[in-house]
N, C-alpha and C. Protein backbone atom coordinates (compact mmCIF):
# COMPACT_ATOMS: atom_id res chain seq x y z
N UNK A 1 26.73 -12.80 -6.54
CA UNK A 1 27.47 -12.53 -6.02
C UNK A 1 27.40 -10.79 -6.40
N UNK A 2 27.47 -9.95 -5.17
CA UNK A 2 26.94 -8.42 -5.30
C UNK A 2 28.55 -7.77 -6.18
N UNK A 3 28.08 -6.33 -6.04
CA UNK A 3 28.93 -5.60 -6.52
C UNK A 3 30.50 -5.54 -5.80
N UNK A 4 30.51 -5.65 -4.42
CA UNK A 4 31.16 -5.34 -3.40
C UNK A 4 31.44 -4.20 -2.85
N UNK A 5 32.39 -4.08 -2.18
CA UNK A 5 32.21 -2.95 -1.30
C UNK A 5 32.91 -1.79 -1.90
N UNK A 6 34.09 -1.81 -2.62
CA UNK A 6 34.58 -0.45 -3.25
C UNK A 6 33.35 -0.39 -4.46
N UNK A 7 33.01 -1.03 -5.07
CA UNK A 7 32.50 -1.08 -6.30
C UNK A 7 31.01 -0.27 -5.78
N UNK A 8 30.47 -0.58 -4.75
CA UNK A 8 29.07 -0.01 -4.41
C UNK A 8 29.23 1.48 -4.17
N UNK A 9 30.67 2.00 -3.68
CA UNK A 9 31.01 3.26 -3.00
C UNK A 9 30.75 4.14 -4.16
N UNK A 10 31.57 3.14 -5.28
CA UNK A 10 31.61 4.14 -6.61
C UNK A 10 30.49 4.23 -7.14
N UNK A 11 29.68 3.03 -7.49
CA UNK A 11 28.34 3.34 -7.71
C UNK A 11 27.54 4.39 -7.46
N UNK A 12 27.26 4.10 -5.77
CA UNK A 12 26.61 4.97 -4.98
C UNK A 12 27.00 6.45 -5.13
N UNK A 13 28.50 6.69 -5.28
CA UNK A 13 28.34 7.96 -5.41
C UNK A 13 28.26 8.56 -6.76
N UNK A 14 28.71 8.12 -7.94
CA UNK A 14 27.89 8.45 -9.26
C UNK A 14 26.64 8.51 -9.35
N UNK A 15 25.81 7.60 -8.87
CA UNK A 15 24.03 7.21 -8.47
C UNK A 15 23.57 8.87 -8.08
N UNK A 16 24.41 9.02 -6.63
CA UNK A 16 23.90 10.15 -6.12
C UNK A 16 24.32 11.49 -6.90
N UNK A 17 25.49 11.31 -7.39
CA UNK A 17 25.78 12.66 -8.23
C UNK A 17 25.07 12.64 -9.28
N UNK A 18 24.27 11.74 -10.07
CA UNK A 18 23.57 12.03 -11.06
C UNK A 18 22.35 12.40 -10.53
N UNK A 19 21.79 11.56 -9.38
CA UNK A 19 20.20 12.04 -8.75
C UNK A 19 20.53 13.59 -8.29
N UNK A 20 21.28 14.01 -7.74
CA UNK A 20 21.55 15.49 -7.03
C UNK A 20 21.76 16.46 -8.31
N UNK A 21 22.08 16.17 -9.54
CA UNK A 21 22.27 16.88 -10.79
C UNK A 21 20.67 16.95 -11.32
N UNK A 22 20.37 16.03 -11.46
CA UNK A 22 18.76 15.86 -11.89
C UNK A 22 18.12 16.62 -11.02
N UNK A 23 18.11 16.51 -9.95
CA UNK A 23 17.13 17.34 -8.71
C UNK A 23 17.75 18.73 -8.68
N UNK A 24 19.08 19.36 -9.08
CA UNK A 24 19.72 20.71 -8.84
C UNK A 24 19.57 20.61 -7.18
N UNK A 25 20.29 19.51 -6.78
CA UNK A 25 20.55 19.58 -5.49
C UNK A 25 22.01 20.19 -5.12
N UNK A 26 22.32 20.76 -4.61
CA UNK A 26 23.94 21.07 -4.24
C UNK A 26 24.62 20.28 -2.95
N UNK A 27 24.92 19.17 -3.20
CA UNK A 27 25.44 18.38 -2.36
C UNK A 27 26.95 18.13 -2.34
N UNK A 28 27.66 17.85 -1.29
CA UNK A 28 28.91 17.10 -1.27
C UNK A 28 29.11 15.75 -1.84
N UNK A 29 30.30 15.41 -2.35
CA UNK A 29 30.91 14.21 -2.30
C UNK A 29 30.26 12.96 -1.46
N UNK A 30 30.37 13.18 -0.35
CA UNK A 30 30.14 12.32 1.24
C UNK A 30 28.57 12.06 1.15
N UNK A 31 27.43 13.41 0.61
CA UNK A 31 26.14 13.04 0.86
C UNK A 31 25.53 12.36 -0.91
N UNK A 32 26.46 12.41 -1.77
CA UNK A 32 26.32 11.61 -2.91
C UNK A 32 26.63 10.35 -2.72
N UNK A 33 27.47 9.88 -2.09
CA UNK A 33 27.78 8.40 -1.79
C UNK A 33 26.62 7.57 -1.09
N UNK A 34 26.43 8.70 -0.03
CA UNK A 34 25.22 8.19 0.96
C UNK A 34 23.65 8.40 0.31
N UNK A 35 23.59 9.11 -0.75
CA UNK A 35 22.20 9.41 -1.59
C UNK A 35 22.02 7.83 -2.30
N UNK A 36 23.15 7.72 -3.11
CA UNK A 36 23.23 6.34 -4.12
C UNK A 36 23.12 5.34 -3.67
N UNK A 37 23.71 4.96 -2.11
CA UNK A 37 23.85 3.82 -1.56
C UNK A 37 22.52 3.66 -1.10
N UNK A 38 21.71 4.76 -0.13
CA UNK A 38 20.84 4.61 0.67
C UNK A 38 19.65 4.57 -0.40
N UNK A 39 19.92 5.45 -1.23
CA UNK A 39 18.84 5.50 -2.43
C UNK A 39 18.81 4.12 -3.21
N UNK A 40 19.73 3.40 -3.47
CA UNK A 40 19.42 2.04 -3.76
C UNK A 40 19.11 1.21 -3.06
N UNK A 41 18.97 1.33 -2.03
CA UNK A 41 18.39 0.16 -1.19
C UNK A 41 17.09 0.40 -1.01
N UNK A 42 16.65 1.81 -0.85
CA UNK A 42 14.98 2.20 -0.95
C UNK A 42 14.28 1.63 -2.14
N UNK A 43 14.87 2.07 -3.27
CA UNK A 43 14.51 1.64 -4.46
C UNK A 43 14.46 0.36 -4.93
N UNK A 44 15.45 -0.48 -4.27
CA UNK A 44 15.13 -2.01 -4.38
C UNK A 44 14.07 -2.58 -3.78
N UNK A 45 14.34 -1.96 -2.78
CA UNK A 45 12.69 -2.35 -1.49
C UNK A 45 11.48 -2.08 -2.42
N UNK A 46 11.49 -0.83 -2.63
CA UNK A 46 9.91 -0.52 -3.35
C UNK A 46 10.00 -1.33 -4.64
N UNK A 47 11.10 -1.49 -5.68
CA UNK A 47 10.90 -2.23 -7.06
C UNK A 47 10.62 -3.52 -6.54
N UNK A 48 11.03 -4.09 -5.44
CA UNK A 48 10.96 -5.56 -5.14
C UNK A 48 9.58 -5.74 -4.91
N UNK A 49 9.03 -4.75 -3.86
CA UNK A 49 7.50 -5.09 -3.60
C UNK A 49 6.59 -5.04 -4.79
N UNK A 50 7.01 -4.44 -5.93
CA UNK A 50 6.61 -4.41 -7.19
C UNK A 50 6.62 -5.78 -8.25
N UNK A 51 7.63 -6.35 -7.64
CA UNK A 51 7.90 -7.68 -8.27
C UNK A 51 9.00 -7.21 -9.48
N UNK A 52 9.60 -6.53 -9.41
CA UNK A 52 10.65 -6.22 -10.32
C UNK A 52 12.29 -6.00 -9.57
N UNK A 53 13.05 -6.78 -10.07
CA UNK A 53 14.29 -7.11 -9.30
C UNK A 53 15.57 -6.35 -10.42
N UNK A 54 16.39 -5.54 -9.87
CA UNK A 54 17.31 -5.08 -10.64
C UNK A 54 18.72 -6.28 -10.63
N UNK A 55 19.18 -6.49 -11.59
CA UNK A 55 20.44 -7.48 -11.42
C UNK A 55 21.83 -6.83 -10.55
N UNK A 56 22.34 -7.47 -9.95
CA UNK A 56 23.41 -7.02 -9.49
C UNK A 56 24.83 -6.56 -10.37
N UNK A 57 24.67 -6.14 -11.37
CA UNK A 57 25.86 -5.40 -12.03
C UNK A 57 25.68 -4.16 -11.81
N UNK A 58 26.62 -3.51 -12.59
CA UNK A 58 26.74 -2.03 -12.09
C UNK A 58 25.77 -1.11 -12.57
N UNK A 59 25.57 -1.35 -14.02
CA UNK A 59 24.60 -0.67 -14.68
C UNK A 59 23.06 -0.30 -14.10
N UNK A 60 22.66 -1.91 -13.81
CA UNK A 60 21.11 -1.71 -13.21
C UNK A 60 21.13 -1.01 -12.00
N UNK A 61 22.14 -1.37 -11.02
CA UNK A 61 22.25 -0.73 -9.87
C UNK A 61 22.85 0.62 -9.92
N UNK A 62 22.99 1.28 -10.87
CA UNK A 62 23.68 2.52 -11.23
C UNK A 62 21.95 3.27 -11.70
N UNK A 63 21.08 2.79 -12.30
CA UNK A 63 20.06 3.22 -12.60
C UNK A 63 19.17 3.33 -11.35
N UNK A 64 19.03 2.05 -10.69
CA UNK A 64 18.09 2.13 -9.28
C UNK A 64 18.55 2.84 -8.22
N UNK A 65 20.30 3.15 -8.18
CA UNK A 65 20.51 4.37 -6.83
C UNK A 65 20.16 5.53 -7.52
N UNK A 66 20.31 6.07 -8.75
CA UNK A 66 19.42 7.34 -9.26
C UNK A 66 18.29 7.77 -8.61
N UNK A 67 17.63 6.75 -9.36
CA UNK A 67 15.95 6.43 -9.07
C UNK A 67 16.02 6.69 -7.48
N UNK A 68 16.95 5.87 -6.98
CA UNK A 68 16.33 6.43 -5.23
C UNK A 68 17.17 7.51 -4.89
N UNK A 69 18.02 7.75 -5.33
CA UNK A 69 18.39 9.20 -4.66
C UNK A 69 17.59 10.55 -5.03
N UNK A 70 16.71 10.26 -6.37
CA UNK A 70 16.23 11.26 -6.46
C UNK A 70 14.64 10.88 -5.74
N UNK A 71 14.36 9.96 -5.31
CA UNK A 71 13.32 9.76 -4.46
C UNK A 71 13.51 10.62 -2.94
N UNK A 72 14.68 10.40 -2.59
CA UNK A 72 15.66 10.77 -1.24
C UNK A 72 15.46 12.62 -1.51
N UNK A 73 15.80 12.77 -2.20
CA UNK A 73 15.97 14.38 -2.33
C UNK A 73 14.57 14.72 -2.38
N UNK A 74 13.60 14.36 -3.02
CA UNK A 74 12.21 14.55 -3.19
C UNK A 74 11.58 14.49 -1.71
N UNK A 75 11.91 13.19 -1.38
CA UNK A 75 11.25 13.52 0.26
C UNK A 75 11.63 14.24 1.14
N UNK A 76 13.12 14.68 1.15
CA UNK A 76 13.81 15.31 1.89
C UNK A 76 12.95 17.14 1.67
N UNK A 77 13.08 17.32 0.39
CA UNK A 77 12.57 18.59 0.29
C UNK A 77 11.10 18.79 0.69
N UNK A 78 10.04 17.70 0.69
CA UNK A 78 8.75 17.60 0.79
C UNK A 78 8.72 18.15 2.27
N UNK A 79 9.76 17.40 3.03
CA UNK A 79 9.67 17.21 4.70
C UNK A 79 10.13 18.82 5.08
N UNK A 80 10.95 19.03 4.49
CA UNK A 80 11.77 20.54 4.80
C UNK A 80 10.51 21.81 4.64
N UNK A 81 9.59 21.65 4.01
CA UNK A 81 8.40 22.40 3.78
C UNK A 81 7.77 22.34 4.62
């Protein structure tokens, strides 16, 4: 059983917000939600390739989503340069 649709949006938004604060990116709420959700997908795939699997609870997914959001912001900045 996963987080569910609404919980994923809330956790994704929070993870995106934390990631944007760490990276000092000035993004809005919609971009924060996208960063958190897509970041969680990206980070889960990367961690899965390393043999690390995060539980389907809100706290591990918040950490993974934040890590993924940071990765996405860093890649976005590297591409823009």
